[in-house]
Amino acid sequence: MCTYYNVGDFMASAPGKTTGGRVVSIDALRGFDMFMIIGGDALFRLVSTMIGGSFFMAVAAQFHHEEWNGFNFEDLIFPLFLFIVGMVMPFSITRRLERGDSRSAIYRHIVTRAIVLVFLGFLYNGLLDFDFSNFRYAGVLQRIGLCSLFAGLIVMNTGVRGQIGWIAGILTGYWAAMVLIPVPGHGAGVLTPEGNLASWVDRLFLPGRFCCFRFGDNEGLLSTIPSVATTLLGVLAGHLLRREDLTKARRAGILTVAGICGVVAGLIWGIVFPINKLIWTSSYVLFAGGLSALAAAAFYWVIDVKGHSRWAFFFVVIGLNPITIYVAQGLFDFGSVANIFLHGFIDSLGALKPLVWTSSVLAVKWLFLYFLYRQKIFIKV
């Protein structure tokens, strides 16, 4: 019997036509993304560093965030998750409408989910420490909650053309604000860490401490606005995958072309508005959105078009409880479980110790999720 804490179907797998009503590729892609978030990036970084050589050191560098302008693989992980949140919305809202839910009930659902996610974000950041002067009010879950709220409201009240209009308006409006509104002491159009508008707004209105640079928060106030556009790009991908007038192969092909266009558009816009994750620039939205679309197309092609899904089971287990593991790893030390089995010999492993430790903690997290999977417990937030 399935057990659910159902405040957000948008975070669950999308209902579709594949394998028991699921678009399995969405679960797998979400799981792949969460695997990176819960330690997969650290594992790849360690392996690449241990192998050494110029090529693998370059690979290891991809698993670090860029300090300011630029883009590494690590900078794709969060926008990809927001993109996936958006992908599921057309499926989820349509399903609720088809089963007879009222629009007011769906609106309550959207708002409740956002409130729960923001609250979980506060818990993750240490709310119960009651140290509010050093508390971080912004965060990953807070941004997911706000993006799902505003994107959900837009989806409820507009069609595809309207959603495209919102994306265009958000991205051009954010660009205009960042280059035209002067920052006291710096002027207009200054895109340095201390001189840009988004960082100044955080310093002016966002209390507590910042992450991950000292002049503002990388999930700050103003930069949350373009991240809504990232979610809406995923919504467009979801609309495409729902189109029954197209073959699955055709859907994958269109999504691939759209992804390439997004990457190219982001690179071109980046000439005048640099690709930057910390302030979530418009060029970053398009570039990361394009890469997200390409990743979604690749997973969809392999799993849902070609039917090769067995390899993805490892990621599907993670993808069915993404928020669960994110919150759990912030509140519980999975390393304490790994240490029960490793403490007697891990210190004798020398250079292999970091690799064995990281792999073991990841294994504990996956086994926890596998237990939930076997018990059919899917905590959907």
Protein backbone atom coordinates (compact mmCIF):
# COMPACT_ATOMS: atom_id res chain seq x y z
CA MET A 1 0.00 0.00 0.00
CA CYS A 2 1.46 3.38 -1.00
CA THR A 3 2.01 5.98 1.69
CA TYR A 4 2.07 9.64 0.58
CA TYR A 5 2.46 13.05 2.12
CA ASN A 6 0.78 14.61 -0.88
CA VAL A 7 1.34 18.35 -0.85
CA GLY A 8 3.00 18.48 -4.23
CA ASP A 9 2.39 16.17 -7.16
CA PHE A 10 4.60 18.47 -9.19
CA MET A 11 7.61 16.97 -7.43
CA ALA A 12 6.45 13.44 -8.10
CA SER A 13 6.84 11.56 -11.33
CA ALA A 14 4.81 12.79 -14.23
CA PRO A 15 1.87 10.71 -15.30
CA GLY A 16 2.19 9.73 -18.90
CA LYS A 17 2.00 6.79 -21.24
CA THR A 18 5.13 4.88 -20.24
CA THR A 19 5.52 1.99 -17.76
CA GLY A 20 2.53 2.02 -15.50
CA GLY A 21 1.51 5.60 -16.22
CA ARG A 22 4.90 7.23 -15.68
CA VAL A 23 7.20 9.09 -17.98
CA VAL A 24 10.09 7.11 -16.57
CA SER A 25 12.73 9.36 -18.10
CA ILE A 26 11.57 12.26 -15.91
CA ASP A 27 11.99 10.17 -12.76
CA ALA A 28 15.40 9.02 -13.97
CA LEU A 29 16.59 12.49 -14.92
CA ARG A 30 15.42 13.88 -11.59
CA GLY A 31 17.24 11.05 -9.86
CA PHE A 32 20.43 11.69 -11.83
CA ASP A 33 20.27 15.35 -10.84
CA MET A 34 19.64 14.53 -7.18
CA PHE A 35 22.48 11.99 -7.25
CA MET A 36 24.81 14.87 -8.07
CA ILE A 37 23.30 16.99 -5.30
CA ILE A 38 23.67 14.33 -2.59
CA GLY A 39 27.31 13.58 -3.32
CA GLY A 40 27.74 12.25 -6.84
CA ASP A 41 29.56 15.42 -7.85
CA ALA A 42 32.05 14.95 -5.03
CA LEU A 43 32.56 11.33 -6.07
CA PHE A 44 33.34 12.24 -9.69
CA ARG A 45 35.61 15.04 -8.52
CA LEU A 46 37.56 12.65 -6.29
CA VAL A 47 37.91 9.99 -8.99
CA SER A 48 39.10 12.54 -11.56
CA THR A 49 41.60 14.05 -9.13
CA MET A 50 42.97 10.64 -8.19
CA ILE A 51 43.50 9.67 -11.83
CA GLY A 52 45.27 12.97 -12.46
CA GLY A 53 46.63 14.35 -15.68
CA SER A 54 45.53 17.49 -17.46
CA PHE A 55 42.33 15.99 -18.91
CA PHE A 56 41.01 14.55 -15.67
CA MET A 57 41.99 17.63 -13.69
CA ALA A 58 39.91 19.63 -16.18
CA VAL A 59 37.06 17.17 -15.58
CA ALA A 60 37.45 17.62 -11.82
CA ALA A 61 37.21 21.39 -12.26
CA GLN A 62 33.78 20.92 -13.87
CA PHE A 63 32.46 19.76 -10.49
CA HIS A 64 33.09 23.15 -8.90
CA HIS A 65 30.91 26.23 -9.33
CA GLU A 66 32.36 29.12 -11.27
CA GLU A 67 33.38 31.90 -8.91
CA TRP A 68 31.60 34.55 -10.98
CA ASN A 69 31.05 34.67 -14.76
CA GLY A 70 31.26 31.43 -16.73
CA PHE A 71 29.77 27.96 -16.58
CA ASN A 72 30.83 24.55 -15.30
CA PHE A 73 28.83 21.32 -15.16
CA GLU A 74 28.19 22.00 -11.46
CA ASP A 75 26.31 25.15 -12.48
CA LEU A 76 23.74 23.02 -14.33
CA ILE A 77 22.56 20.97 -11.36
CA PHE A 78 20.14 23.43 -9.73
CA PRO A 79 18.57 24.89 -12.90
CA LEU A 80 18.09 21.35 -14.19
CA PHE A 81 16.04 20.53 -11.10
CA LEU A 82 13.89 23.64 -11.59
CA PHE A 83 13.50 22.70 -15.25
CA ILE A 84 12.22 19.25 -14.19
CA VAL A 85 9.81 20.85 -11.71
CA GLY A 86 8.39 22.76 -14.66
CA MET A 87 8.29 19.69 -16.93
CA VAL A 88 5.89 17.92 -14.61
CA MET A 89 3.43 20.79 -14.25
CA PRO A 90 1.46 20.29 -17.50
CA PHE A 91 0.98 16.60 -16.64
CA SER A 92 0.10 17.25 -13.02
CA ILE A 93 -2.37 20.08 -13.53
CA THR A 94 -4.09 18.28 -16.40
CA ARG A 95 -4.46 15.13 -14.31
CA ARG A 96 -6.03 17.06 -11.43
CA LEU A 97 -8.45 18.82 -13.75
CA GLU A 98 -9.40 15.54 -15.46
CA ARG A 99 -10.18 13.86 -12.15
CA GLY A 100 -12.54 16.71 -11.30
CA ASP A 101 -10.51 18.89 -8.91
CA SER A 102 -11.74 22.46 -8.81
CA ARG A 103 -9.48 25.32 -9.79
CA SER A 104 -9.66 26.65 -6.23
CA ALA A 105 -8.44 23.29 -4.90
CA ILE A 106 -5.50 23.37 -7.32
CA TYR A 107 -4.66 26.91 -6.27
CA ARG A 108 -4.66 25.82 -2.62
CA HIS A 109 -2.44 22.92 -3.57
CA ILE A 110 0.05 25.22 -5.30
CA VAL A 111 0.19 27.66 -2.39
CA THR A 112 0.40 24.92 0.25
CA ARG A 113 3.28 23.25 -1.54
CA ALA A 114 5.20 26.51 -1.72
CA ILE A 115 4.69 27.20 1.99
CA VAL A 116 5.83 23.68 2.96
CA LEU A 117 8.94 23.92 0.76
CA VAL A 118 9.91 27.30 2.20
CA PHE A 119 9.42 25.98 5.73
CA LEU A 120 11.52 22.88 4.97
CA GLY A 121 14.17 25.21 3.59
CA PHE A 122 14.21 27.10 6.86
CA LEU A 123 14.56 23.83 8.80
CA TYR A 124 17.40 22.76 6.51
CA ASN A 125 19.17 26.06 7.15
CA GLY A 126 19.00 25.63 10.94
CA LEU A 127 15.75 27.30 11.99
CA LEU A 128 15.67 25.32 15.24
CA ASP A 129 19.04 26.75 16.28
CA PHE A 130 17.17 30.04 16.88
CA ASP A 131 20.28 31.99 15.89
CA PHE A 132 18.45 34.47 13.68
CA SER A 133 21.30 36.94 13.34
CA ASN A 134 23.34 34.26 11.56
CA PHE A 135 20.40 32.50 9.94
CA ARG A 136 20.25 32.17 6.17
CA TYR A 137 16.75 33.03 4.98
CA ALA A 138 17.35 32.22 1.31
CA GLY A 139 18.09 28.73 0.07
CA VAL A 140 17.53 25.98 -2.47
CA LEU A 141 14.18 24.76 -1.14
CA GLN A 142 12.95 28.32 -0.69
CA ARG A 143 13.71 29.05 -4.34
CA ILE A 144 12.06 25.82 -5.48
CA GLY A 145 8.97 26.75 -3.48
CA LEU A 146 8.75 30.26 -4.90
CA CYS A 147 9.43 29.12 -8.46
CA SER A 148 6.81 26.39 -8.28
CA LEU A 149 4.35 28.91 -6.82
CA PHE A 150 4.73 31.58 -9.49
CA ALA A 151 5.18 29.15 -12.37
CA GLY A 152 2.14 27.19 -11.20
CA LEU A 153 0.01 30.33 -11.11
CA ILE A 154 1.18 31.26 -14.61
CA VAL A 155 0.42 27.77 -15.93
CA MET A 156 -3.05 27.91 -14.41
CA ASN A 157 -3.87 31.18 -16.14
CA THR A 158 -2.08 31.09 -19.50
CA GLY A 159 -1.55 28.83 -22.46
CA VAL A 160 1.69 28.02 -24.22
CA ARG A 161 1.85 31.41 -25.96
CA GLY A 162 1.26 33.21 -22.70
CA GLN A 163 3.97 31.19 -20.98
CA ILE A 164 6.42 32.04 -23.76
CA GLY A 165 5.46 35.68 -23.27
CA TRP A 166 6.15 35.43 -19.55
CA ILE A 167 9.57 33.91 -20.20
CA ALA A 168 10.47 36.65 -22.67
CA GLY A 169 9.16 39.37 -20.36
CA ILE A 170 10.98 38.06 -17.31
CA LEU A 171 14.31 37.66 -19.07
CA THR A 172 14.27 41.00 -20.90
CA GLY A 173 12.91 42.80 -17.85
CA TYR A 174 15.61 41.37 -15.60
CA TRP A 175 18.29 42.29 -18.13
CA ALA A 176 16.95 45.84 -18.39
CA ALA A 177 16.83 46.23 -14.61
CA MET A 178 20.35 44.90 -14.15
CA VAL A 179 21.89 47.21 -16.75
CA LEU A 180 19.74 50.35 -16.39
CA ILE A 181 18.97 50.77 -12.67
CA PRO A 182 21.89 52.48 -10.90
CA VAL A 183 23.31 50.99 -7.72
CA PRO A 184 24.34 53.61 -5.12
CA GLY A 185 28.10 54.02 -5.15
CA HIS A 186 28.52 52.02 -8.34
CA GLY A 187 26.17 53.28 -11.02
CA ALA A 188 24.12 51.41 -13.62
CA GLY A 189 25.15 48.33 -15.54
CA VAL A 190 27.95 47.31 -13.17
CA LEU A 191 27.98 43.50 -13.08
CA THR A 192 30.72 42.96 -10.50
CA PRO A 193 30.00 40.94 -7.32
CA GLU A 194 29.64 44.09 -5.23
CA GLY A 195 28.24 46.46 -7.84
CA ASN A 196 25.34 44.57 -9.46
CA LEU A 197 21.71 45.33 -8.68
CA ALA A 198 20.76 41.84 -7.43
CA SER A 199 23.50 41.83 -4.79
CA TRP A 200 22.59 45.36 -3.69
CA VAL A 201 18.93 44.35 -3.26
CA ASP A 202 20.02 41.41 -1.08
CA ARG A 203 22.20 43.65 1.07
CA LEU A 204 19.34 46.11 1.44
CA PHE A 205 16.39 43.80 2.07
CA LEU A 206 17.61 40.26 2.89
CA PRO A 207 18.50 39.78 6.58
CA GLY A 208 20.84 37.18 8.06
CA ARG A 209 23.83 35.66 6.33
CA PHE A 210 24.49 35.08 2.64
CA CYS A 211 25.70 32.20 0.51
CA CYS A 212 27.83 31.78 -1.55
CA PHE A 213 29.59 35.10 -1.97
CA ARG A 214 29.81 37.89 0.55
CA PHE A 215 28.04 40.66 -1.38
CA GLY A 216 24.72 38.86 -1.82
CA ASP A 217 23.05 35.45 -1.82
CA ASN A 218 23.18 33.10 -4.76
CA GLU A 219 19.51 32.30 -4.09
CA GLY A 220 18.70 35.91 -3.33
CA LEU A 221 15.61 38.03 -3.83
CA LEU A 222 15.91 39.63 -7.26
CA SER A 223 17.64 36.66 -8.87
CA THR A 224 14.67 34.46 -7.97
CA ILE A 225 12.66 36.24 -10.69
CA PRO A 226 14.65 34.84 -13.66
CA SER A 227 14.70 31.41 -12.00
CA VAL A 228 10.92 31.38 -12.50
CA ALA A 229 11.70 31.58 -16.23
CA THR A 230 13.93 28.50 -15.85
CA THR A 231 10.94 26.63 -14.43
CA LEU A 232 8.71 27.88 -17.26
CA LEU A 233 11.18 26.57 -19.84
CA GLY A 234 10.62 23.17 -18.26
CA VAL A 235 6.87 23.74 -18.53
CA LEU A 236 7.24 24.18 -22.31
CA ALA A 237 9.16 20.90 -22.45
CA GLY A 238 6.35 19.23 -20.52
CA HIS A 239 3.76 20.52 -22.99
CA LEU A 240 5.83 19.05 -25.81
CA LEU A 241 6.08 15.63 -24.17
CA ARG A 242 2.30 15.56 -23.72
CA ARG A 243 1.56 16.10 -27.40
CA GLU A 244 -0.20 12.99 -28.63
CA ASP A 245 -0.23 14.27 -32.23
CA LEU A 246 3.54 13.72 -32.36
CA THR A 247 5.44 10.46 -32.16
CA LYS A 248 7.77 10.03 -29.21
CA ALA A 249 10.75 10.18 -31.53
CA ARG A 250 9.47 13.47 -32.96
CA ARG A 251 9.04 14.93 -29.48
CA ALA A 252 12.62 13.99 -28.62
CA GLY A 253 13.86 15.56 -31.84
CA ILE A 254 12.02 18.84 -31.28
CA LEU A 255 13.27 18.98 -27.70
CA THR A 256 16.83 18.46 -28.94
CA VAL A 257 16.56 21.30 -31.46
CA ALA A 258 15.03 23.56 -28.80
CA GLY A 259 17.90 22.72 -26.46
CA ILE A 260 20.50 23.61 -29.08
CA CYS A 261 18.72 26.90 -29.77
CA GLY A 262 18.70 27.70 -26.05
CA VAL A 263 22.41 27.03 -25.71
CA VAL A 264 23.24 29.19 -28.73
CA ALA A 265 20.93 32.00 -27.59
CA GLY A 266 22.50 31.94 -24.14
CA LEU A 267 26.01 32.16 -25.57
CA ILE A 268 25.06 35.09 -27.81
CA TRP A 269 23.27 36.98 -25.03
CA GLY A 270 26.21 36.19 -22.76
CA ILE A 271 28.39 38.50 -24.85
CA VAL A 272 26.58 41.52 -23.36
CA PHE A 273 25.00 39.94 -20.25
CA PRO A 274 27.48 37.33 -19.01
CA ILE A 275 26.43 33.81 -18.08
CA ASN A 276 26.43 33.88 -14.28
CA LYS A 277 24.77 31.46 -11.88
CA LEU A 278 25.22 33.54 -8.73
CA ILE A 279 22.94 36.29 -10.02
CA TRP A 280 21.05 33.96 -12.42
CA THR A 281 21.46 36.15 -15.49
CA SER A 282 19.10 35.88 -18.45
CA SER A 283 21.85 34.37 -20.60
CA TYR A 284 22.41 31.77 -17.87
CA VAL A 285 18.70 30.90 -17.93
CA LEU A 286 18.79 30.22 -21.67
CA PHE A 287 22.14 28.42 -21.67
CA ALA A 288 21.31 26.17 -18.69
CA GLY A 289 17.76 25.73 -19.98
CA GLY A 290 19.11 24.59 -23.33
CA LEU A 291 21.41 22.07 -21.68
CA SER A 292 18.53 20.89 -19.49
CA ALA A 293 16.39 20.34 -22.59
CA LEU A 294 19.20 18.35 -24.21
CA ALA A 295 19.54 16.20 -21.09
CA ALA A 296 15.77 15.65 -20.99
CA ALA A 297 15.75 14.75 -24.70
CA ALA A 298 18.59 12.25 -24.23
CA PHE A 299 16.89 10.52 -21.28
CA TYR A 300 13.52 10.54 -23.07
CA TRP A 301 15.04 9.07 -26.23
CA VAL A 302 16.90 6.27 -24.48
CA ILE A 303 14.22 5.35 -21.93
CA ASP A 304 10.81 6.25 -23.36
CA VAL A 305 11.50 6.04 -27.10
CA LYS A 306 13.94 3.12 -27.25
CA GLY A 307 12.69 1.41 -24.11
CA HIS A 308 16.09 0.96 -22.45
CA SER A 309 15.12 1.61 -18.84
CA ARG A 310 16.81 -1.06 -16.71
CA TRP A 311 20.03 0.94 -16.39
CA ALA A 312 18.06 3.89 -14.96
CA PHE A 313 16.64 2.02 -11.94
CA PHE A 314 19.41 3.34 -9.69
CA PHE A 315 18.42 6.93 -10.54
CA VAL A 316 14.65 6.28 -10.50
CA VAL A 317 14.89 5.20 -6.85
CA ILE A 318 16.43 8.57 -6.04
CA GLY A 319 14.10 10.50 -8.33
CA LEU A 320 10.95 9.28 -6.60
CA ASN A 321 11.93 10.86 -3.26
CA PRO A 322 14.08 13.87 -4.18
CA ILE A 323 13.03 16.35 -1.50
CA THR A 324 13.06 13.59 1.12
CA ILE A 325 16.75 12.86 0.65
CA TYR A 326 17.68 16.52 0.30
CA VAL A 327 16.09 17.42 3.63
CA ALA A 328 17.21 14.19 5.33
CA GLN A 329 20.86 14.72 4.48
CA GLY A 330 20.67 18.19 5.99
CA LEU A 331 19.09 17.00 9.24
CA PHE A 332 20.73 13.58 9.65
CA ASP A 333 24.35 12.47 9.44
CA PHE A 334 24.34 9.50 7.07
CA GLY A 335 28.06 9.27 7.66
CA SER A 336 27.36 7.99 11.18
CA VAL A 337 25.77 4.90 9.65
CA ALA A 338 28.61 4.42 7.18
CA ASN A 339 31.08 4.75 10.05
CA ILE A 340 29.56 1.74 11.80
CA PHE A 341 30.88 -0.46 9.01
CA LEU A 342 34.05 1.45 8.11
CA HIS A 343 35.58 2.65 11.36
CA GLY A 344 37.72 -0.43 11.90
CA PHE A 345 39.73 -0.19 8.69
CA ILE A 346 39.09 3.04 6.82
CA ASP A 347 42.09 4.86 8.33
CA SER A 348 44.37 2.20 6.86
CA LEU A 349 43.27 2.84 3.28
CA GLY A 350 45.63 5.74 2.69
CA ALA A 351 44.87 7.68 -0.47
CA LEU A 352 41.73 5.61 -1.06
CA LYS A 353 40.11 6.75 2.20
CA PRO A 354 38.22 9.79 0.75
CA LEU A 355 36.92 7.74 -2.17
CA VAL A 356 35.73 4.83 0.00
CA TRP A 357 34.14 7.21 2.51
CA THR A 358 32.28 9.24 -0.12
CA SER A 359 31.09 6.11 -1.92
CA SER A 360 29.93 4.52 1.32
CA VAL A 361 27.94 7.55 2.47
CA LEU A 362 26.31 7.71 -0.96
CA ALA A 363 25.48 4.01 -0.68
CA VAL A 364 23.81 4.54 2.69
CA LYS A 365 21.69 7.35 1.26
CA TRP A 366 20.67 5.22 -1.71
CA LEU A 367 19.80 2.24 0.49
CA PHE A 368 17.63 4.51 2.63
CA LEU A 369 15.78 5.59 -0.51
CA TYR A 370 15.59 1.99 -1.72
CA PHE A 371 13.94 1.03 1.56
CA LEU A 372 11.33 3.74 0.99
CA TYR A 373 10.90 2.51 -2.58
CA ARG A 374 10.38 -1.10 -1.48
CA GLN A 375 7.83 0.06 1.09
CA LYS A 376 6.13 2.21 -1.57
CA ILE A 377 6.65 5.31 0.53
CA PHE A 378 6.94 8.35 -1.70
CA ILE A 379 7.02 11.65 0.18
CA LYS A 380 5.96 14.10 -2.48
CA VAL A 381 6.64 17.71 -1.57
